[in-house]
Amino acid sequence: MKKLPTSCPSCESQLKVKQLQCENCSTEVLGLYELPHLAVLSNSDQMFILDFVKASGSLKLMAQKMGLSYPSVRNKLDEIIDRLKDLEE
């Protein structure tokens, strides 16, 4: 599966969505829309968040699953939170 590009290959600016299409009925939506904040994160950050939600937000379970210490997993989560905060500015 192709990875959704989130930044311009030429100037590194954040890309926006211009068109959406339904594969079922071919309805098209045109416009200029921001990408969701989670889509802009790296694949590894997205997978971390997905696993975190599946673990019901338990850092203890995440640490066990990842084979890392609780503080390491907490630091990883804090880094993702900081990246998300930066996207809001």
PDB file of N, CA and C in Angstrom:
ATOM      1  N   MET A   1       0.840  -1.180   0.000  1.00  0.00           N
ATOM      2  CA  MET A   1       0.000   0.000   0.000  1.00  0.00           C
ATOM      3  C   MET A   1       0.884   1.243   0.000  1.00  0.00           C
ATOM      4  N   LYS A   2       0.529   2.225  -0.788  1.00  0.00           N
ATOM      5  CA  LYS A   2       1.295   3.461  -0.856  1.00  0.00           C
ATOM      6  C   LYS A   2       1.086   4.292   0.398  1.00  0.00           C
ATOM      7  N   LYS A   3       2.136   4.980   0.810  1.00  0.00           N
ATOM      8  CA  LYS A   3       2.064   5.878   1.961  1.00  0.00           C
ATOM      9  C   LYS A   3       1.553   7.241   1.489  1.00  0.00           C
ATOM     10  N   LEU A   4       0.619   7.801   2.226  1.00  0.00           N
ATOM     11  CA  LEU A   4       0.072   9.114   1.910  1.00  0.00           C
ATOM     12  C   LEU A   4       1.164  10.156   2.068  1.00  0.00           C
ATOM     13  N   PRO A   5       1.508  10.877   1.001  1.00  0.00           N
ATOM     14  CA  PRO A   5       2.516  11.935   1.157  1.00  0.00           C
ATOM     15  C   PRO A   5       1.920  13.091   1.963  1.00  0.00           C
ATOM     16  N   THR A   6       2.704  13.643   2.863  1.00  0.00           N
ATOM     17  CA  THR A   6       2.219  14.739   3.700  1.00  0.00           C
ATOM     18  C   THR A   6       3.008  16.018   3.506  1.00  0.00           C
ATOM     19  N   SER A   7       4.160  15.925   2.838  1.00  0.00           N
ATOM     20  CA  SER A   7       4.939  17.140   2.579  1.00  0.00           C
ATOM     21  C   SER A   7       5.367  17.173   1.116  1.00  0.00           C
ATOM     22  N   CYS A   8       5.534  18.369   0.619  1.00  0.00           N
ATOM     23  CA  CYS A   8       5.895  18.592  -0.781  1.00  0.00           C
ATOM     24  C   CYS A   8       7.307  18.050  -1.053  1.00  0.00           C
ATOM     25  N   PRO A   9       7.469  17.255  -2.098  1.00  0.00           N
ATOM     26  CA  PRO A   9       8.805  16.733  -2.400  1.00  0.00           C
ATOM     27  C   PRO A   9       9.762  17.818  -2.886  1.00  0.00           C
ATOM     28  N   SER A  10       9.236  18.946  -3.290  1.00  0.00           N
ATOM     29  CA  SER A  10      10.060  20.029  -3.793  1.00  0.00           C
ATOM     30  C   SER A  10      10.497  21.003  -2.707  1.00  0.00           C
ATOM     31  N   CYS A  11       9.529  21.484  -1.887  1.00  0.00           N
ATOM     32  CA  CYS A  11       9.849  22.531  -0.910  1.00  0.00           C
ATOM     33  C   CYS A  11       9.625  22.134   0.540  1.00  0.00           C
ATOM     34  N   GLU A  12       9.136  20.903   0.771  1.00  0.00           N
ATOM     35  CA  GLU A  12       8.899  20.376   2.122  1.00  0.00           C
ATOM     36  C   GLU A  12       7.696  20.989   2.847  1.00  0.00           C
ATOM     37  N   SER A  13       6.921  21.857   2.192  1.00  0.00           N
ATOM     38  CA  SER A  13       5.719  22.412   2.813  1.00  0.00           C
ATOM     39  C   SER A  13       4.679  21.309   2.989  1.00  0.00           C
ATOM     40  N   GLN A  14       3.799  21.484   3.974  1.00  0.00           N
ATOM     41  CA  GLN A  14       2.767  20.489   4.225  1.00  0.00           C
ATOM     42  C   GLN A  14       1.744  20.501   3.096  1.00  0.00           C
ATOM     43  N   LEU A  15       1.417  19.316   2.587  1.00  0.00           N
ATOM     44  CA  LEU A  15       0.423  19.183   1.531  1.00  0.00           C
ATOM     45  C   LEU A  15      -0.980  19.261   2.110  1.00  0.00           C
ATOM     46  N   LYS A  16      -1.948  19.587   1.259  1.00  0.00           N
ATOM     47  CA  LYS A  16      -3.359  19.602   1.627  1.00  0.00           C
ATOM     48  C   LYS A  16      -4.110  18.704   0.659  1.00  0.00           C
ATOM     49  N   VAL A  17      -5.276  18.240   1.071  1.00  0.00           N
ATOM     50  CA  VAL A  17      -6.112  17.388   0.230  1.00  0.00           C
ATOM     51  C   VAL A  17      -6.938  18.278  -0.684  1.00  0.00           C
ATOM     52  N   LYS A  18      -6.980  17.933  -1.974  1.00  0.00           N
ATOM     53  CA  LYS A  18      -7.739  18.731  -2.929  1.00  0.00           C
ATOM     54  C   LYS A  18      -8.975  17.999  -3.440  1.00  0.00           C
ATOM     55  N   GLN A  19      -8.944  16.680  -3.498  1.00  0.00           N
ATOM     56  CA  GLN A  19     -10.063  15.942  -4.068  1.00  0.00           C
ATOM     57  C   GLN A  19     -10.235  14.616  -3.343  1.00  0.00           C
ATOM     58  N   LEU A  20     -11.492  14.253  -3.102  1.00  0.00           N
ATOM     59  CA  LEU A  20     -11.850  12.955  -2.551  1.00  0.00           C
ATOM     60  C   LEU A  20     -12.853  12.315  -3.495  1.00  0.00           C
ATOM     61  N   GLN A  21     -12.791  10.985  -3.617  1.00  0.00           N
ATOM     62  CA  GLN A  21     -13.709  10.301  -4.516  1.00  0.00           C
ATOM     63  C   GLN A  21     -14.192   9.007  -3.878  1.00  0.00           C
ATOM     64  N   CYS A  22     -15.492   8.751  -4.016  1.00  0.00           N
ATOM     65  CA  CYS A  22     -16.093   7.509  -3.531  1.00  0.00           C
ATOM     66  C   CYS A  22     -15.896   6.433  -4.600  1.00  0.00           C
ATOM     67  N   GLU A  23     -15.279   5.316  -4.220  1.00  0.00           N
ATOM     68  CA  GLU A  23     -15.075   4.224  -5.177  1.00  0.00           C
ATOM     69  C   GLU A  23     -16.377   3.506  -5.505  1.00  0.00           C
ATOM     70  N   ASN A  24     -17.375   3.623  -4.629  1.00  0.00           N
ATOM     71  CA  ASN A  24     -18.645   2.929  -4.830  1.00  0.00           C
ATOM     72  C   ASN A  24     -19.515   3.623  -5.871  1.00  0.00           C
ATOM     73  N   CYS A  25     -19.729   4.939  -5.717  1.00  0.00           N
ATOM     74  CA  CYS A  25     -20.659   5.640  -6.612  1.00  0.00           C
ATOM     75  C   CYS A  25     -19.996   6.737  -7.444  1.00  0.00           C
ATOM     76  N   SER A  26     -18.696   6.914  -7.300  1.00  0.00           N
ATOM     77  CA  SER A  26     -17.905   7.895  -8.053  1.00  0.00           C
ATOM     78  C   SER A  26     -18.198   9.347  -7.689  1.00  0.00           C
ATOM     79  N   THR A  27     -18.882   9.583  -6.561  1.00  0.00           N
ATOM     80  CA  THR A  27     -19.079  10.960  -6.105  1.00  0.00           C
ATOM     81  C   THR A  27     -17.716  11.576  -5.822  1.00  0.00           C
ATOM     82  N   GLU A  28     -17.524  12.827  -6.246  1.00  0.00           N
ATOM     83  CA  GLU A  28     -16.266  13.524  -6.016  1.00  0.00           C
ATOM     84  C   GLU A  28     -16.510  14.772  -5.178  1.00  0.00           C
ATOM     85  N   VAL A  29     -15.595  15.040  -4.264  1.00  0.00           N
ATOM     86  CA  VAL A  29     -15.632  16.245  -3.449  1.00  0.00           C
ATOM     87  C   VAL A  29     -14.357  17.012  -3.760  1.00  0.00           C
ATOM     88  N   LEU A  30     -14.518  18.260  -4.210  1.00  0.00           N
ATOM     89  CA  LEU A  30     -13.365  19.095  -4.541  1.00  0.00           C
ATOM     90  C   LEU A  30     -13.255  20.239  -3.551  1.00  0.00           C
ATOM     91  N   GLY A  31     -12.047  20.629  -3.236  1.00  0.00           N
ATOM     92  CA  GLY A  31     -11.796  21.727  -2.322  1.00  0.00           C
ATOM     93  C   GLY A  31     -10.345  21.676  -1.881  1.00  0.00           C
ATOM     94  N   LEU A  32     -10.016  22.437  -0.867  1.00  0.00           N
ATOM     95  CA  LEU A  32      -8.661  22.415  -0.317  1.00  0.00           C
ATOM     96  C   LEU A  32      -8.795  22.215   1.181  1.00  0.00           C
ATOM     97  N   TYR A  33      -8.415  21.044   1.649  1.00  0.00           N
ATOM     98  CA  TYR A  33      -8.626  20.655   3.035  1.00  0.00           C
ATOM     99  C   TYR A  33      -7.308  20.307   3.707  1.00  0.00           C
ATOM    100  N   GLU A  34      -7.206  20.670   4.999  1.00  0.00           N
ATOM    101  CA  GLU A  34      -6.047  20.302   5.797  1.00  0.00           C
ATOM    102  C   GLU A  34      -6.059  18.793   6.017  1.00  0.00           C
ATOM    103  N   LEU A  35      -4.872  18.195   6.079  1.00  0.00           N
ATOM    104  CA  LEU A  35      -4.775  16.798   6.475  1.00  0.00           C
ATOM    105  C   LEU A  35      -5.028  16.699   7.971  1.00  0.00           C
ATOM    106  N   PRO A  36      -5.643  15.615   8.430  1.00  0.00           N
ATOM    107  CA  PRO A  36      -5.803  15.438   9.874  1.00  0.00           C
ATOM    108  C   PRO A  36      -4.427  15.388  10.544  1.00  0.00           C
ATOM    109  N   HIS A  37      -4.333  15.905  11.757  1.00  0.00           N
ATOM    110  CA  HIS A  37      -3.048  15.955  12.459  1.00  0.00           C
ATOM    111  C   HIS A  37      -2.398  14.577  12.563  1.00  0.00           C
ATOM    112  N   LEU A  38      -3.188  13.565  12.828  1.00  0.00           N
ATOM    113  CA  LEU A  38      -2.610  12.226  12.970  1.00  0.00           C
ATOM    114  C   LEU A  38      -2.015  11.724  11.661  1.00  0.00           C
ATOM    115  N   ALA A  39      -2.569  12.143  10.530  1.00  0.00           N
ATOM    116  CA  ALA A  39      -2.058  11.707   9.229  1.00  0.00           C
ATOM    117  C   ALA A  39      -0.690  12.301   8.931  1.00  0.00           C
ATOM    118  N   VAL A  40      -0.366  13.409   9.553  1.00  0.00           N
ATOM    119  CA  VAL A  40       0.903  14.081   9.307  1.00  0.00           C
ATOM    120  C   VAL A  40       2.043  13.436  10.108  1.00  0.00           C
ATOM    121  N   LEU A  41       1.695  12.696  11.157  1.00  0.00           N
ATOM    122  CA  LEU A  41       2.720  12.015  11.952  1.00  0.00           C
ATOM    123  C   LEU A  41       3.377  10.899  11.142  1.00  0.00           C
ATOM    124  N   SER A  42       4.578  10.512  11.553  1.00  0.00           N
ATOM    125  CA  SER A  42       5.275   9.409  10.888  1.00  0.00           C
ATOM    126  C   SER A  42       4.481   8.113  11.071  1.00  0.00           C
ATOM    127  N   ASN A  43       4.770   7.125  10.230  1.00  0.00           N
ATOM    128  CA  ASN A  43       4.090   5.832  10.350  1.00  0.00           C
ATOM    129  C   ASN A  43       4.318   5.217  11.719  1.00  0.00           C
ATOM    130  N   SER A  44       5.538   5.342  12.244  1.00  0.00           N
ATOM    131  CA  SER A  44       5.814   4.733  13.555  1.00  0.00           C
ATOM    132  C   SER A  44       5.022   5.427  14.658  1.00  0.00           C
ATOM    133  N   ASP A  45       4.881   6.753  14.572  1.00  0.00           N
ATOM    134  CA  ASP A  45       4.075   7.474  15.560  1.00  0.00           C
ATOM    135  C   ASP A  45       2.605   7.092  15.445  1.00  0.00           C
ATOM    136  N   GLN A  46       2.110   6.942  14.217  1.00  0.00           N
ATOM    137  CA  GLN A  46       0.720   6.532  14.019  1.00  0.00           C
ATOM    138  C   GLN A  46       0.486   5.139  14.593  1.00  0.00           C
ATOM    139  N   MET A  47       1.433   4.227  14.381  1.00  0.00           N
ATOM    140  CA  MET A  47       1.288   2.871  14.916  1.00  0.00           C
ATOM    141  C   MET A  47       1.336   2.881  16.443  1.00  0.00           C
ATOM    142  N   PHE A  48       2.194   3.724  17.019  1.00  0.00           N
ATOM    143  CA  PHE A  48       2.261   3.841  18.465  1.00  0.00           C
ATOM    144  C   PHE A  48       0.905   4.278  19.017  1.00  0.00           C
ATOM    145  N   ILE A  49       0.312   5.303  18.402  1.00  0.00           N
ATOM    146  CA  ILE A  49      -0.981   5.804  18.874  1.00  0.00           C
ATOM    147  C   ILE A  49      -2.057   4.734  18.727  1.00  0.00           C
ATOM    148  N   LEU A  50      -2.056   4.023  17.603  1.00  0.00           N
ATOM    149  CA  LEU A  50      -3.029   2.947  17.394  1.00  0.00           C
ATOM    150  C   LEU A  50      -2.876   1.865  18.464  1.00  0.00           C
ATOM    151  N   ASP A  51      -1.645   1.447  18.724  1.00  0.00           N
ATOM    152  CA  ASP A  51      -1.398   0.437  19.759  1.00  0.00           C
ATOM    153  C   ASP A  51      -1.770   0.967  21.135  1.00  0.00           C
ATOM    154  N   PHE A  52      -1.513   2.242  21.397  1.00  0.00           N
ATOM    155  CA  PHE A  52      -1.833   2.868  22.676  1.00  0.00           C
ATOM    156  C   PHE A  52      -3.344   2.850  22.922  1.00  0.00           C
ATOM    157  N   VAL A  53      -4.106   3.163  21.887  1.00  0.00           N
ATOM    158  CA  VAL A  53      -5.572   3.134  22.003  1.00  0.00           C
ATOM    159  C   VAL A  53      -6.050   1.696  22.219  1.00  0.00           C
ATOM    160  N   LYS A  54      -5.485   0.752  21.472  1.00  0.00           N
ATOM    161  CA  LYS A  54      -5.864  -0.654  21.637  1.00  0.00           C
ATOM    162  C   LYS A  54      -5.525  -1.165  23.035  1.00  0.00           C
ATOM    163  N   ALA A  55      -4.495  -0.576  23.656  1.00  0.00           N
ATOM    164  CA  ALA A  55      -4.104  -0.948  25.016  1.00  0.00           C
ATOM    165  C   ALA A  55      -4.880  -0.144  26.049  1.00  0.00           C
ATOM    166  N   SER A  56      -5.951   0.498  25.622  1.00  0.00           N
ATOM    167  CA  SER A  56      -6.807   1.318  26.496  1.00  0.00           C
ATOM    168  C   SER A  56      -6.027   2.424  27.202  1.00  0.00           C
ATOM    169  N   GLY A  57      -5.018   2.932  26.532  1.00  0.00           N
ATOM    170  CA  GLY A  57      -4.240   4.031  27.098  1.00  0.00           C
ATOM    171  C   GLY A  57      -3.311   3.609  28.227  1.00  0.00           C
ATOM    172  N   SER A  58      -3.007   2.336  28.302  1.00  0.00           N
ATOM    173  CA  SER A  58      -2.142   1.837  29.378  1.00  0.00           C
ATOM    174  C   SER A  58      -0.678   1.862  28.957  1.00  0.00           C
ATOM    175  N   LEU A  59       0.080   2.753  29.584  1.00  0.00           N
ATOM    176  CA  LEU A  59       1.514   2.807  29.304  1.00  0.00           C
ATOM    177  C   LEU A  59       2.205   1.532  29.796  1.00  0.00           C
ATOM    178  N   LYS A  60       1.682   0.942  30.839  1.00  0.00           N
ATOM    179  CA  LYS A  60       2.245  -0.302  31.377  1.00  0.00           C
ATOM    180  C   LYS A  60       2.149  -1.416  30.325  1.00  0.00           C
ATOM    181  N   LEU A  61       0.968  -1.551  29.698  1.00  0.00           N
ATOM    182  CA  LEU A  61       0.807  -2.555  28.647  1.00  0.00           C
ATOM    183  C   LEU A  61       1.673  -2.238  27.436  1.00  0.00           C
ATOM    184  N   MET A  62       1.784  -0.959  27.106  1.00  0.00           N
ATOM    185  CA  MET A  62       2.630  -0.549  25.982  1.00  0.00           C
ATOM    186  C   MET A  62       4.088  -0.915  26.247  1.00  0.00           C
ATOM    187  N   ALA A  63       4.544  -0.684  27.461  1.00  0.00           N
ATOM    188  CA  ALA A  63       5.929  -1.008  27.823  1.00  0.00           C
ATOM    189  C   ALA A  63       6.164  -2.510  27.666  1.00  0.00           C
ATOM    190  N   GLN A  64       5.213  -3.316  28.123  1.00  0.00           N
ATOM    191  CA  GLN A  64       5.344  -4.768  27.985  1.00  0.00           C
ATOM    192  C   GLN A  64       5.378  -5.176  26.517  1.00  0.00           C
ATOM    193  N   LYS A  65       4.468  -4.620  25.739  1.00  0.00           N
ATOM    194  CA  LYS A  65       4.378  -4.959  24.314  1.00  0.00           C
ATOM    195  C   LYS A  65       5.640  -4.564  23.561  1.00  0.00           C
ATOM    196  N   MET A  66       6.179  -3.382  23.890  1.00  0.00           N
ATOM    197  CA  MET A  66       7.345  -2.863  23.174  1.00  0.00           C
ATOM    198  C   MET A  66       8.668  -3.364  23.749  1.00  0.00           C
ATOM    199  N   GLY A  67       8.612  -3.979  24.911  1.00  0.00           N
ATOM    200  CA  GLY A  67       9.849  -4.441  25.540  1.00  0.00           C
ATOM    201  C   GLY A  67      10.709  -3.299  26.032  1.00  0.00           C
ATOM    202  N   LEU A  68      10.053  -2.208  26.428  1.00  0.00           N
ATOM    203  CA  LEU A  68      10.754  -1.022  26.918  1.00  0.00           C
ATOM    204  C   LEU A  68      10.319  -0.723  28.341  1.00  0.00           C
ATOM    205  N   SER A  69      11.054   0.166  28.981  1.00  0.00           N
ATOM    206  CA  SER A  69      10.672   0.587  30.330  1.00  0.00           C
ATOM    207  C   SER A  69       9.490   1.547  30.244  1.00  0.00           C
ATOM    208  N   TYR A  70       8.754   1.622  31.339  1.00  0.00           N
ATOM    209  CA  TYR A  70       7.635   2.559  31.426  1.00  0.00           C
ATOM    210  C   TYR A  70       8.084   3.987  31.102  1.00  0.00           C
ATOM    211  N   PRO A  71       9.213   4.493  31.704  1.00  0.00           N
ATOM    212  CA  PRO A  71       9.647   5.863  31.383  1.00  0.00           C
ATOM    213  C   PRO A  71       9.985   6.061  29.900  1.00  0.00           C
ATOM    214  N   SER A  72      10.528   5.044  29.248  1.00  0.00           N
ATOM    215  CA  SER A  72      10.834   5.169  27.812  1.00  0.00           C
ATOM    216  C   SER A  72       9.565   5.329  26.991  1.00  0.00           C
ATOM    217  N   VAL A  73       8.551   4.552  27.336  1.00  0.00           N
ATOM    218  CA  VAL A  73       7.275   4.649  26.619  1.00  0.00           C
ATOM    219  C   VAL A  73       6.617   5.992  26.916  1.00  0.00           C
ATOM    220  N   ARG A  74       6.695   6.446  28.153  1.00  0.00           N
ATOM    221  CA  ARG A  74       6.135   7.754  28.526  1.00  0.00           C
ATOM    222  C   ARG A  74       6.823   8.865  27.738  1.00  0.00           C
ATOM    223  N   ASN A  75       8.149   8.772  27.589  1.00  0.00           N
ATOM    224  CA  ASN A  75       8.900   9.767  26.809  1.00  0.00           C
ATOM    225  C   ASN A  75       8.467   9.756  25.347  1.00  0.00           C
ATOM    226  N   LYS A  76       8.263   8.562  24.787  1.00  0.00           N
ATOM    227  CA  LYS A  76       7.795   8.438  23.399  1.00  0.00           C
ATOM    228  C   LYS A  76       6.434   9.120  23.239  1.00  0.00           C
ATOM    229  N   LEU A  77       5.531   8.876  24.178  1.00  0.00           N
ATOM    230  CA  LEU A  77       4.212   9.504  24.133  1.00  0.00           C
ATOM    231  C   LEU A  77       4.335  11.021  24.254  1.00  0.00           C
ATOM    232  N   ASP A  78       5.174  11.493  25.157  1.00  0.00           N
ATOM    233  CA  ASP A  78       5.373  12.935  25.319  1.00  0.00           C
ATOM    234  C   ASP A  78       5.919  13.576  24.040  1.00  0.00           C
ATOM    235  N   GLU A  79       6.819  12.881  23.349  1.00  0.00           N
ATOM    236  CA  GLU A  79       7.363  13.399  22.086  1.00  0.00           C
ATOM    237  C   GLU A  79       6.263  13.530  21.035  1.00  0.00           C
ATOM    238  N   ILE A  80       5.387  12.550  20.963  1.00  0.00           N
ATOM    239  CA  ILE A  80       4.280  12.605  20.001  1.00  0.00           C
ATOM    240  C   ILE A  80       3.329  13.735  20.370  1.00  0.00           C
ATOM    241  N   ILE A  81       3.049  13.886  21.656  1.00  0.00           N
ATOM    242  CA  ILE A  81       2.181  14.982  22.111  1.00  0.00           C
ATOM    243  C   ILE A  81       2.783  16.325  21.715  1.00  0.00           C
ATOM    244  N   ASP A  82       4.086  16.484  21.883  1.00  0.00           N
ATOM    245  CA  ASP A  82       4.753  17.741  21.499  1.00  0.00           C
ATOM    246  C   ASP A  82       4.631  17.990  19.998  1.00  0.00           C
ATOM    247  N   ARG A  83       4.800  16.928  19.182  1.00  0.00           N
ATOM    248  CA  ARG A  83       4.659  17.094  17.730  1.00  0.00           C
ATOM    249  C   ARG A  83       3.233  17.512  17.368  1.00  0.00           C
ATOM    250  N   LEU A  84       2.257  16.919  18.044  1.00  0.00           N
ATOM    251  CA  LEU A  84       0.862  17.292  17.775  1.00  0.00           C
ATOM    252  C   LEU A  84       0.580  18.737  18.195  1.00  0.00           C
ATOM    253  N   LYS A  85       1.138  19.170  19.313  1.00  0.00           N
ATOM    254  CA  LYS A  85       0.980  20.552  19.750  1.00  0.00           C
ATOM    255  C   LYS A  85       1.586  21.519  18.735  1.00  0.00           C
ATOM    256  N   ASP A  86       2.752  21.145  18.190  1.00  0.00           N
ATOM    257  CA  ASP A  86       3.405  21.988  17.170  1.00  0.00           C
ATOM    258  C   ASP A  86       2.540  22.136  15.920  1.00  0.00           C
ATOM    259  N   LEU A  87       1.782  21.097  15.577  1.00  0.00           N
ATOM    260  CA  LEU A  87       0.917  21.147  14.405  1.00  0.00           C
ATOM    261  C   LEU A  87      -0.251  22.107  14.609  1.00  0.00           C
ATOM    262  N   GLU A  88      -0.656  22.307  15.853  1.00  0.00           N
ATOM    263  CA  GLU A  88      -1.784  23.185  16.148  1.00  0.00           C
ATOM    264  C   GLU A  88      -1.405  24.662  16.070  1.00  0.00           C
ATOM    265  N   GLU A  89      -0.126  24.950  16.144  1.00  0.00           N
ATOM    266  CA  GLU A  89       0.315  26.359  16.157  1.00  0.00           C
ATOM    267  C   GLU A  89       0.367  26.962  14.784  1.00  0.00           C
TER     268      GLU A  89
END
